[in-house]
Amino acid sequence: MTIVGFTISILKETAPYEERVAATPETVKKFVAMGAKALVEKGAGIKASIPDDEYEKAGAEISETVKDTADIILCVQANTDTLEGMKTGSILIGQLAPYNNEDLIKTAADKNITAFSMELVPRITRAQAMDVLSSQSNLAGYKAVLDAAEHYGKSFPMMMTAAGTVPPAKVFVMGAGVAGLQAIATAKRLGAIVSATDVRPAAKEQVQSLGASFVAVEDDEFKEAETAGGYAKEMSDDYKKKQAALIEETIAKQDIVITTALIPGRPAPKLVTEAMVKSMKPGSVIVDLAAPTGGNCELTKADEIVEQHAVTIIGHSNTASRLAASASALYAKNLLNLIGLIIDTDSKDIKIDWDDDIIKGIALTRDGKIIHPGFGGPKEAPEKKPEEKKDNDKDAA
């Protein structure tokens, strides 16, 4: 696929609670250097603290209509309305939520629009710089701790004064993926006593390296609870009961619980029961980063902060967006690195290598057809082993 002379357009986001933008002045400059005409929808970066004139200084044109002439459209989130006005043969790149967006995938195919979903970037070394789930989860884990601190009525660190000593907060992080590890590190920096759990034995070393204690039933079954590829195995019912009892005992002693467990394409696993919430001390806080897919806590309500049994439960659906400037900067870099794969720097044309492992991993539609085998495309023979395994967790973004 070759397009001579191309335009990249950046959309203004319309999804609820979405304050990020898909490009920054820095990445716009790089697009222009690649040979692109850059169009930015008027007001696209305002919520991320990027005024229109900053884009103009970087070489972009500000317009209220950016879709009809664009060869590549960049967005954060998308739905079928996003496709309206896009020209045939153009390319849409963003977090397209393919597991929950069947209509978008089908409509993109019907309109002969090539759709690339950034959540599907494969876990290989050369794709790390394009990994939006990790970049956004990192910020979500950090912000989760700040949200907890805002609603927790006591201090995080120990404070010794002439009037007495204030004990440190106890923070328990469920899931030691990207978000979980950042939450651990942030809570430790604030002076809390931190513990964490994860279903993968390999997570224990990561948790302890950050100064937190690891909570798990470490029997023989747990030690074998990871496949050769680094994924968690399904545990026996007996182990699950023992682990649940340990978690229940642990949660009752905590001031703050942060949950991060997500399963792509499925509802979030329930890790915190109402009984566990009842066992917590009055004034405790739960931050549920899995709120968008049902929550890890039984009492979580998406997009709400509720109080149940004297415990505050925070269920923001888009935590990374609540740090819009930083999240946009990282997300824009992820997209820039992906764009570098499909632009020929010599000819300054769009050239897509459809045999590239990254392109194959993220491509949903092409030439009027759904091509991704996981979302209705033709099934393929088993792929060769990835060049190198990355972190096998993709937690809350």
Protein backbone atom coordinates (compact mmCIF):
# COMPACT_ATOMS: atom_id res chain seq x y z
CA MET A 1 0.00 0.00 0.00
CA THR A 2 1.59 3.28 -1.13
CA ILE A 3 0.10 6.77 -0.87
CA VAL A 4 2.15 9.63 -2.31
CA GLY A 5 1.81 12.85 -0.32
CA PHE A 6 -0.21 12.19 2.80
CA THR A 7 -2.14 13.97 5.53
CA ILE A 8 -2.26 13.03 9.22
CA SER A 9 -5.23 14.34 11.18
CA ILE A 10 -5.64 14.48 14.95
CA LEU A 11 -9.16 14.33 16.31
CA LYS A 12 -10.75 16.14 19.22
CA GLU A 13 -12.01 13.45 21.58
CA THR A 14 -15.72 13.21 22.33
CA ALA A 15 -15.95 10.18 24.64
CA PRO A 16 -17.12 10.83 28.22
CA TYR A 17 -14.30 11.45 30.71
CA GLU A 18 -11.74 11.54 27.89
CA GLU A 19 -9.35 14.49 28.17
CA ARG A 20 -6.35 13.08 26.30
CA VAL A 21 -5.27 13.94 22.77
CA ALA A 22 -3.47 11.74 20.24
CA ALA A 23 -0.66 14.12 19.32
CA THR A 24 1.48 16.80 20.92
CA PRO A 25 3.38 19.67 19.29
CA GLU A 26 6.51 17.53 19.61
CA THR A 27 5.04 14.63 17.64
CA VAL A 28 3.42 16.99 15.12
CA LYS A 29 6.89 18.33 14.31
CA LYS A 30 8.04 14.77 13.67
CA PHE A 31 5.07 14.09 11.39
CA VAL A 32 5.86 17.18 9.34
CA ALA A 33 9.51 16.10 9.11
CA MET A 34 8.29 12.74 7.78
CA GLY A 35 6.61 14.56 4.91
CA ALA A 36 3.07 14.75 6.29
CA LYS A 37 0.61 17.58 6.25
CA ALA A 38 -0.63 17.75 9.84
CA LEU A 39 -4.22 18.74 10.57
CA VAL A 40 -5.43 19.20 14.15
CA GLU A 41 -9.11 19.53 14.95
CA LYS A 42 -9.82 22.85 16.65
CA GLY A 43 -9.56 22.55 20.44
CA ALA A 44 -8.25 18.97 20.34
CA GLY A 45 -5.56 19.55 22.95
CA ILE A 46 -7.23 22.06 25.26
CA LYS A 47 -8.06 19.57 28.01
CA ALA A 48 -4.50 18.27 27.89
CA SER A 49 -3.15 21.83 28.34
CA ILE A 50 -2.13 22.19 24.68
CA PRO A 51 -3.64 25.29 23.02
CA ASP A 52 -4.17 25.39 19.26
CA ASP A 53 -1.38 27.90 18.68
CA GLU A 54 1.19 25.44 20.05
CA TYR A 55 0.22 23.00 17.32
CA GLU A 56 0.41 25.78 14.74
CA LYS A 57 3.93 26.67 15.87
CA ALA A 58 4.85 23.03 15.36
CA GLY A 59 3.68 23.15 11.75
CA ALA A 60 0.09 21.94 11.99
CA GLU A 61 -3.00 23.48 10.47
CA ILE A 62 -5.97 23.96 12.80
CA SER A 63 -9.34 23.12 11.30
CA GLU A 64 -12.89 22.28 12.32
CA THR A 65 -12.98 19.62 9.59
CA VAL A 66 -10.05 17.21 9.55
CA LYS A 67 -11.42 13.84 8.39
CA ASP A 68 -12.39 14.20 4.74
CA THR A 69 -8.86 14.81 3.42
CA ALA A 70 -6.93 12.69 5.92
CA ASP A 71 -4.96 9.61 4.91
CA ILE A 72 -4.20 8.76 8.55
CA ILE A 73 -6.45 9.73 11.45
CA LEU A 74 -5.15 9.51 15.01
CA CYS A 75 -7.45 9.29 18.01
CA VAL A 76 -7.50 8.11 21.60
CA GLN A 77 -10.93 6.44 21.57
CA ALA A 78 -13.31 5.74 18.70
CA ASN A 79 -16.79 4.54 17.82
CA THR A 80 -18.79 4.27 14.61
CA ASP A 81 -19.37 8.04 14.62
CA THR A 82 -15.60 8.49 14.34
CA LEU A 83 -15.73 6.83 10.91
CA GLU A 84 -18.25 9.34 9.56
CA GLY A 85 -16.57 11.62 7.05
CA MET A 86 -13.45 9.48 6.66
CA LYS A 87 -12.51 8.85 3.05
CA THR A 88 -12.30 5.39 1.52
CA GLY A 89 -8.89 3.80 1.94
CA SER A 90 -7.86 5.98 4.87
CA ILE A 91 -6.31 4.65 8.08
CA LEU A 92 -7.66 4.98 11.62
CA ILE A 93 -5.24 4.43 14.52
CA GLY A 94 -6.21 4.55 18.18
CA GLN A 95 -7.41 2.61 21.18
CA LEU A 96 -10.36 1.07 19.37
CA ALA A 97 -11.54 -1.25 22.18
CA PRO A 98 -11.99 -4.15 19.73
CA TYR A 99 -13.42 -6.57 22.30
CA ASN A 100 -16.36 -4.24 22.89
CA ASN A 101 -16.58 -2.48 19.54
CA GLU A 102 -17.86 -4.98 16.99
CA ASP A 103 -19.90 -2.34 15.20
CA LEU A 104 -16.84 -0.16 14.66
CA ILE A 105 -14.84 -3.05 13.20
CA LYS A 106 -17.65 -4.07 10.85
CA THR A 107 -18.33 -0.48 9.78
CA ALA A 108 -14.63 0.16 9.14
CA ALA A 109 -14.55 -2.88 6.87
CA ASP A 110 -17.74 -1.82 5.08
CA LYS A 111 -16.30 1.66 4.47
CA ASN A 112 -12.94 0.23 3.34
CA ILE A 113 -11.11 1.95 6.18
CA THR A 114 -7.97 0.36 7.56
CA ALA A 115 -8.24 0.18 11.36
CA PHE A 116 -5.28 -0.33 13.69
CA SER A 117 -6.03 -0.95 17.39
CA MET A 118 -3.16 0.07 19.67
CA GLU A 119 -4.30 -2.18 22.55
CA LEU A 120 -3.25 -5.16 20.43
CA VAL A 121 0.42 -4.24 20.09
CA PRO A 122 2.26 -7.57 20.53
CA ARG A 123 4.50 -8.15 23.53
CA ILE A 124 7.83 -8.21 21.75
CA THR A 125 10.92 -6.14 22.39
CA ARG A 126 10.72 -3.91 19.31
CA ALA A 127 7.11 -3.03 20.10
CA GLN A 128 7.72 -1.74 23.63
CA ALA A 129 7.88 1.88 22.46
CA MET A 130 4.36 1.48 21.01
CA ASP A 131 2.82 -0.22 24.04
CA VAL A 132 -0.02 2.12 24.99
CA LEU A 133 -1.39 -0.22 27.65
CA SER A 134 1.85 -0.04 29.60
CA SER A 135 2.33 3.71 29.19
CA GLN A 136 -1.21 4.49 30.31
CA SER A 137 -1.31 1.84 33.05
CA ASN A 138 1.84 3.30 34.55
CA LEU A 139 0.11 6.64 35.02
CA ALA A 140 -3.10 4.98 36.22
CA GLY A 141 -1.23 3.18 38.98
CA TYR A 142 0.34 6.44 40.12
CA LYS A 143 -2.93 8.35 40.02
CA ALA A 144 -4.75 5.58 41.90
CA VAL A 145 -2.56 6.19 44.93
CA LEU A 146 -3.10 9.94 44.74
CA ASP A 147 -6.85 9.38 44.55
CA ALA A 148 -6.65 7.14 47.60
CA ALA A 149 -4.65 9.75 49.50
CA GLU A 150 -7.23 12.41 48.66
CA HIS A 151 -10.09 10.42 50.15
CA TYR A 152 -8.21 8.84 53.05
CA GLY A 153 -8.66 10.92 56.17
CA LYS A 154 -5.21 10.23 57.60
CA SER A 155 -1.61 10.69 56.51
CA PHE A 156 0.32 8.13 54.50
CA PRO A 157 3.71 8.35 56.27
CA MET A 158 4.38 7.90 59.94
CA MET A 159 4.51 11.27 61.67
CA MET A 160 6.14 11.71 65.05
CA THR A 161 5.22 14.92 66.83
CA ALA A 162 5.23 16.30 70.35
CA ALA A 163 1.50 15.60 70.41
CA GLY A 164 1.97 11.95 69.54
CA THR A 165 2.73 9.60 66.69
CA VAL A 166 0.55 9.05 63.62
CA PRO A 167 1.04 5.49 62.29
CA PRO A 168 1.71 4.94 58.56
CA ALA A 169 -1.10 3.88 56.24
CA LYS A 170 -1.26 0.25 55.18
CA VAL A 171 -1.75 -0.18 51.42
CA PHE A 172 -2.55 -3.46 49.69
CA VAL A 173 -2.19 -3.68 45.88
CA MET A 174 -3.97 -6.51 44.07
CA GLY A 175 -2.16 -7.26 40.84
CA ALA A 176 1.53 -6.60 40.24
CA GLY A 177 1.35 -5.62 36.60
CA VAL A 178 2.40 -2.24 35.22
CA ALA A 179 -0.28 -0.30 37.13
CA GLY A 180 0.18 -2.36 40.27
CA LEU A 181 3.96 -1.96 40.38
CA GLN A 182 3.65 1.80 39.91
CA ALA A 183 1.02 1.93 42.66
CA ILE A 184 3.40 0.07 44.97
CA ALA A 185 6.25 2.43 44.17
CA THR A 186 4.10 5.53 44.64
CA ALA A 187 2.61 4.36 47.94
CA LYS A 188 6.11 3.56 49.21
CA ARG A 189 7.33 7.03 48.23
CA LEU A 190 4.47 8.51 50.23
CA GLY A 191 5.58 6.54 53.28
CA ALA A 192 2.98 3.78 53.46
CA ILE A 193 3.53 0.19 54.51
CA VAL A 194 2.80 -1.69 51.29
CA SER A 195 1.93 -5.27 50.46
CA ALA A 196 0.80 -6.81 47.18
CA THR A 197 -0.47 -10.01 45.63
CA ASP A 198 -0.41 -11.54 42.16
CA VAL A 199 -1.19 -14.93 40.65
CA ARG A 200 2.25 -15.17 39.03
CA PRO A 201 5.17 -16.43 41.13
CA ALA A 202 7.56 -14.26 39.11
CA ALA A 203 5.81 -11.17 40.48
CA LYS A 204 7.11 -11.85 43.98
CA GLU A 205 10.62 -10.64 43.17
CA GLN A 206 9.29 -7.50 41.46
CA VAL A 207 7.07 -6.66 44.42
CA GLN A 208 9.85 -7.18 46.95
CA SER A 209 12.32 -5.17 44.87
CA LEU A 210 10.07 -2.14 45.45
CA GLY A 211 10.10 -2.64 49.20
CA ALA A 212 6.67 -4.23 49.53
CA SER A 213 5.80 -7.59 51.05
CA PHE A 214 4.29 -10.31 48.87
CA VAL A 215 1.04 -11.98 49.89
CA ALA A 216 0.20 -15.43 48.49
CA VAL A 217 -0.24 -19.03 49.55
CA GLU A 218 3.19 -20.17 48.45
CA ASP A 219 2.70 -23.92 48.31
CA ASP A 220 3.97 -26.32 45.66
CA GLU A 221 1.04 -25.54 43.37
CA PHE A 222 1.80 -21.82 43.47
CA LYS A 223 5.43 -22.44 42.57
CA GLU A 224 4.27 -24.19 39.41
CA ALA A 225 1.58 -21.63 38.62
CA GLU A 226 3.26 -20.19 35.55
CA THR A 227 3.55 -21.60 32.04
CA ALA A 228 6.78 -21.72 30.10
CA GLY A 229 5.61 -18.59 28.30
CA GLY A 230 5.20 -16.70 31.55
CA TYR A 231 1.42 -16.82 31.83
CA ALA A 232 -0.58 -17.73 34.90
CA LYS A 233 -2.04 -21.23 35.02
CA GLU A 234 -5.56 -21.99 36.19
CA MET A 235 -5.34 -22.92 39.87
CA SER A 236 -7.23 -25.70 41.63
CA ASP A 237 -10.39 -24.95 43.60
CA ASP A 238 -8.58 -25.94 46.78
CA TYR A 239 -5.82 -23.41 46.14
CA LYS A 240 -8.35 -20.71 45.28
CA LYS A 241 -10.10 -21.24 48.62
CA LYS A 242 -6.84 -20.98 50.56
CA GLN A 243 -5.78 -17.88 48.64
CA ALA A 244 -9.20 -16.24 49.13
CA ALA A 245 -9.01 -16.85 52.88
CA LEU A 246 -5.55 -15.26 53.00
CA ILE A 247 -6.69 -12.24 50.97
CA GLU A 248 -9.74 -11.79 53.20
CA GLU A 249 -7.55 -11.85 56.29
CA THR A 250 -5.11 -9.38 54.69
CA ILE A 251 -7.74 -6.89 53.50
CA ALA A 252 -9.25 -6.62 56.97
CA LYS A 253 -5.97 -5.11 58.19
CA GLN A 254 -5.59 -2.55 55.39
CA ASP A 255 -6.36 1.15 55.18
CA ILE A 256 -6.24 1.29 51.39
CA VAL A 257 -6.77 -1.40 48.74
CA ILE A 258 -5.92 -0.79 45.07
CA THR A 259 -7.15 -3.35 42.54
CA THR A 260 -5.76 -3.61 39.00
CA ALA A 261 -6.86 -6.96 37.53
CA LEU A 262 -8.22 -6.91 33.98
CA ILE A 263 -8.87 -9.72 31.50
CA PRO A 264 -9.05 -8.59 27.84
CA GLY A 265 -12.49 -9.14 26.39
CA ARG A 266 -14.03 -10.37 29.64
CA PRO A 267 -15.57 -8.80 32.76
CA ALA A 268 -13.07 -7.96 35.48
CA PRO A 269 -12.61 -10.75 38.03
CA LYS A 270 -14.26 -10.15 41.40
CA LEU A 271 -11.49 -10.06 43.96
CA VAL A 272 -13.04 -8.04 46.79
CA THR A 273 -16.38 -9.24 48.13
CA GLU A 274 -18.88 -7.22 50.11
CA ALA A 275 -17.89 -9.25 53.18
CA MET A 276 -14.28 -8.11 52.70
CA VAL A 277 -15.42 -4.49 52.44
CA LYS A 278 -17.39 -4.88 55.67
CA SER A 279 -14.27 -6.21 57.39
CA MET A 280 -12.27 -3.05 56.64
CA LYS A 281 -11.88 -0.25 59.15
CA PRO A 282 -14.17 2.79 58.89
CA GLY A 283 -12.52 5.44 56.72
CA SER A 284 -10.68 2.92 54.55
CA VAL A 285 -10.47 3.42 50.78
CA ILE A 286 -10.67 1.10 47.79
CA VAL A 287 -9.51 2.31 44.38
CA ASP A 288 -10.78 0.00 41.64
CA LEU A 289 -8.88 0.45 38.39
CA ALA A 290 -11.02 -2.26 36.78
CA ALA A 291 -14.20 -0.21 37.13
CA PRO A 292 -14.71 0.16 33.33
CA THR A 293 -15.24 -3.59 32.94
CA GLY A 294 -17.33 -4.24 36.03
CA GLY A 295 -14.78 -3.74 38.78
CA ASN A 296 -12.70 -6.05 40.95
CA CYS A 297 -14.84 -5.10 43.94
CA GLU A 298 -18.44 -6.25 44.15
CA LEU A 299 -19.57 -2.80 45.30
CA THR A 300 -17.76 -0.68 42.69
CA LYS A 301 -19.87 1.64 40.57
CA ALA A 302 -18.27 2.86 37.36
CA ASP A 303 -17.65 6.61 37.22
CA GLU A 304 -18.74 7.04 40.82
CA ILE A 305 -17.20 7.47 44.24
CA VAL A 306 -19.45 5.71 46.73
CA GLU A 307 -19.36 4.93 50.42
CA GLN A 308 -20.36 1.44 51.49
CA HIS A 309 -20.03 0.11 55.03
CA ALA A 310 -18.01 3.24 55.94
CA VAL A 311 -15.50 2.47 53.17
CA THR A 312 -14.97 4.83 50.21
CA ILE A 313 -14.89 2.98 46.87
CA ILE A 314 -13.47 4.90 43.90
CA GLY A 315 -14.44 3.71 40.41
CA HIS A 316 -13.11 6.15 37.82
CA SER A 317 -13.46 4.72 34.31
CA ASN A 318 -10.54 6.57 32.77
CA THR A 319 -7.87 7.09 35.39
CA ALA A 320 -5.03 7.80 32.97
CA SER A 321 -7.05 10.61 31.38
CA ARG A 322 -7.15 12.32 34.76
CA LEU A 323 -3.47 13.07 34.15
CA ALA A 324 -4.29 14.29 30.65
CA ALA A 325 -1.09 16.18 29.86
CA SER A 326 1.29 13.39 30.86
CA ALA A 327 -0.94 10.64 29.45
CA SER A 328 -1.22 12.47 26.13
CA ALA A 329 2.53 12.96 25.90
CA LEU A 330 3.19 9.25 26.36
CA TYR A 331 0.33 8.12 24.15
CA ALA A 332 1.40 10.49 21.39
CA LYS A 333 4.92 9.03 21.51
CA ASN A 334 3.46 5.52 21.26
CA LEU A 335 1.59 6.57 18.11
CA LEU A 336 4.61 8.35 16.68
CA ASN A 337 6.66 5.18 17.01
CA LEU A 338 3.93 3.18 15.27
CA ILE A 339 3.68 5.77 12.48
CA GLY A 340 7.42 5.32 11.99
CA LEU A 341 6.69 1.75 10.91
CA ILE A 342 4.33 2.72 8.11
CA ILE A 343 6.12 5.76 6.69
CA ASP A 344 9.03 5.28 4.29
CA THR A 345 11.56 7.90 5.37
CA ASP A 346 13.26 8.04 1.98
CA SER A 347 10.22 8.53 -0.24
CA LYS A 348 8.14 10.09 2.56
CA ASP A 349 5.21 7.96 1.53
CA ILE A 350 2.90 5.61 3.42
CA LYS A 351 4.14 2.05 2.95
CA ILE A 352 2.69 -0.71 5.09
CA ASP A 353 4.50 -4.01 5.45
CA TRP A 354 1.61 -6.37 6.07
CA ASP A 355 4.02 -9.15 7.02
CA ASP A 356 5.41 -7.15 9.96
CA ASP A 357 4.50 -8.85 13.25
CA ILE A 358 3.41 -5.57 14.83
CA ILE A 359 1.20 -4.61 11.90
CA LYS A 360 -0.35 -8.08 11.82
CA GLY A 361 -1.02 -7.84 15.54
CA ILE A 362 -2.89 -4.52 15.47
CA ALA A 363 -4.62 -4.57 12.07
CA LEU A 364 -8.37 -5.14 12.35
CA THR A 365 -9.48 -4.30 8.82
CA ARG A 366 -7.98 -3.97 5.35
CA ASP A 367 -9.33 -3.63 1.80
CA GLY A 368 -12.94 -3.85 2.90
CA LYS A 369 -12.49 -6.95 5.04
CA ILE A 370 -11.98 -7.85 8.69
CA ILE A 371 -8.56 -9.46 8.78
CA HIS A 372 -7.73 -9.96 12.46
CA PRO A 373 -8.38 -13.62 13.35
CA GLY A 374 -9.41 -12.69 16.87
CA PHE A 375 -12.26 -10.43 15.73
CA GLY A 376 -13.90 -12.22 12.85
CA GLY A 377 -11.07 -12.41 10.36
CA PRO A 378 -9.76 -15.65 8.83
CA LYS A 379 -8.00 -17.99 11.24
CA GLU A 380 -4.29 -18.38 10.73
CA ALA A 381 -1.83 -21.16 11.37
CA PRO A 382 -0.05 -20.90 14.74
CA GLU A 383 2.47 -18.08 14.66
CA LYS A 384 6.13 -18.51 15.33
CA LYS A 385 7.33 -17.96 18.86
CA PRO A 386 7.70 -14.22 19.66
CA GLU A 387 11.23 -12.95 19.57
CA GLU A 388 11.17 -12.14 23.26
CA LYS A 389 8.53 -12.21 26.01
CA LYS A 390 7.66 -8.95 27.69
CA ASP A 391 5.67 -8.43 30.87
CA ASN A 392 2.70 -10.73 30.46
CA ASP A 393 0.24 -8.54 32.31
CA LYS A 394 -1.79 -5.80 30.74
CA ASP A 395 -3.58 -4.10 33.55
CA ALA A 396 -5.81 -1.11 33.86
CA ALA A 397 -5.26 1.59 31.36
